[in-house]
Protein backbone atom coordinates (compact mmCIF):
# COMPACT_ATOMS: atom_id res chain seq x y z
CA UNK A 1 5.61 2.08 -11.75
CA UNK A 2 7.82 -0.45 -9.83
CA UNK A 3 10.50 -0.30 -7.26
CA UNK A 4 13.32 -0.38 -9.60
CA UNK A 5 11.41 2.62 -11.38
CA UNK A 6 11.47 4.37 -8.08
CA UNK A 7 15.07 3.80 -7.73
CA UNK A 8 16.09 4.99 -10.96
CA UNK A 9 14.16 8.24 -10.75
CA UNK A 10 15.52 9.12 -7.37
CA UNK A 11 18.96 8.22 -8.84
CA UNK A 12 18.26 10.55 -11.93
CA UNK A 13 16.54 13.84 -10.05
CA UNK A 14 18.34 13.74 -6.74
CA UNK A 15 21.90 12.41 -7.92
CA UNK A 16 22.63 9.76 -5.35
CA UNK A 17 24.13 6.76 -6.51
CA UNK A 18 21.91 3.86 -7.24
CA UNK A 19 22.98 1.79 -3.97
CA UNK A 20 22.07 4.57 -1.71
CA UNK A 21 18.71 5.46 -3.83
CA UNK A 22 18.06 1.54 -3.31
CA UNK A 23 18.80 1.70 0.25
CA UNK A 24 16.27 5.10 0.66
CA UNK A 25 13.59 3.38 -1.29
CA UNK A 26 13.97 0.17 0.76
CA UNK A 27 13.76 1.93 4.26
CA UNK A 28 10.85 3.90 3.21
CA UNK A 29 9.09 0.79 2.43
CA UNK A 30 10.13 -1.05 5.45
CA UNK A 31 8.79 2.02 7.82
CA UNK A 32 5.30 1.86 6.03
CA UNK A 33 5.40 -1.76 6.38
CA UNK A 34 6.11 -1.78 10.19
CA UNK A 35 3.39 0.79 10.91
CA UNK A 36 0.96 -1.10 9.23
CA UNK A 37 2.01 -4.06 10.80
CA UNK A 38 1.64 -2.66 14.00
CA UNK A 39 -1.92 -1.48 13.21
CA UNK A 40 -1.15 1.97 12.51
CA UNK A 41 -2.00 4.10 9.77
CA UNK A 42 0.02 5.65 7.03
CA UNK A 43 -0.66 9.02 5.96
CA UNK A 44 1.12 10.97 3.20
CA UNK A 45 0.14 14.43 2.71
CA UNK A 46 -1.19 15.25 -0.63
CA UNK A 47 -0.94 11.43 -1.91
CA UNK A 48 -3.49 9.46 0.54
CA UNK A 49 -3.79 7.38 3.41
CA UNK A 50 -3.08 3.50 4.09
CA UNK A 51 -5.12 1.59 6.99
CA UNK A 52 -5.39 -1.86 8.33
CA UNK A 53 -9.13 -3.15 8.54
CA UNK A 54 -9.93 -6.32 10.11
CA UNK A 55 -12.77 -8.64 8.58
CA UNK A 56 -14.72 -10.67 10.60
CA UNK A 57 -15.46 -14.51 9.48
CA UNK A 58 -18.11 -14.58 6.99
CA UNK A 59 -20.18 -17.01 4.97
CA UNK A 60 -19.44 -17.27 1.19
CA UNK A 61 -20.23 -19.61 -1.69
CA UNK A 62 -18.39 -21.37 -4.09
CA UNK A 63 -19.58 -20.11 -7.34
CA UNK A 64 -18.77 -23.36 -9.23
CA UNK A 65 -20.64 -25.84 -7.09
CA UNK A 66 -22.69 -23.58 -4.86
CA UNK A 67 -21.64 -25.09 -1.69
CA UNK A 68 -21.35 -22.92 1.28
CA UNK A 69 -17.74 -22.00 2.68
CA UNK A 70 -16.49 -20.36 5.77
CA UNK A 71 -14.17 -17.36 4.70
CA UNK A 72 -11.98 -16.76 7.58
CA UNK A 73 -11.19 -13.70 9.53
CA UNK A 74 -8.41 -11.50 8.20
CA UNK A 75 -6.63 -8.08 7.77
CA UNK A 76 -7.09 -5.94 4.58
CA UNK A 77 -5.21 -3.15 3.50
CA UNK A 78 -7.16 0.13 2.47
CA UNK A 79 -6.12 3.05 0.48
CA UNK A 80 -7.93 6.22 0.34
CA UNK A 81 -6.24 8.79 -1.90
CA UNK A 82 -6.31 12.31 -0.84
CA UNK A 83 -8.40 15.22 -2.28
CA UNK A 84 -5.10 16.64 -3.83
CA UNK A 85 -4.69 13.30 -5.47
CA UNK A 86 -8.19 12.77 -6.92
CA UNK A 87 -7.88 16.67 -8.16
CA UNK A 88 -4.87 15.78 -10.04
CA UNK A 89 -6.07 12.61 -11.37
CA UNK A 90 -9.30 14.55 -12.70
CA UNK A 91 -7.93 17.68 -14.06
């Protein structure tokens, strides 16, 4: 599913205009994005949790040359599905 699919589904099911549907979807994504950028967690009941984790600097290896390289510290986004979503997927 793409952002355009979400906009179309909102348009068809709720009856808003395409422009209003687009603005709502963009606003929701912006709220989620800004919360995650600030280091917050995003919990969507019945769906799952989004969380930002910090990874430390570590050593890695270039698989082609075998040369050791330094992998820089970074933030990664994690998602953990809720039990409700897991049950729905496995039923």
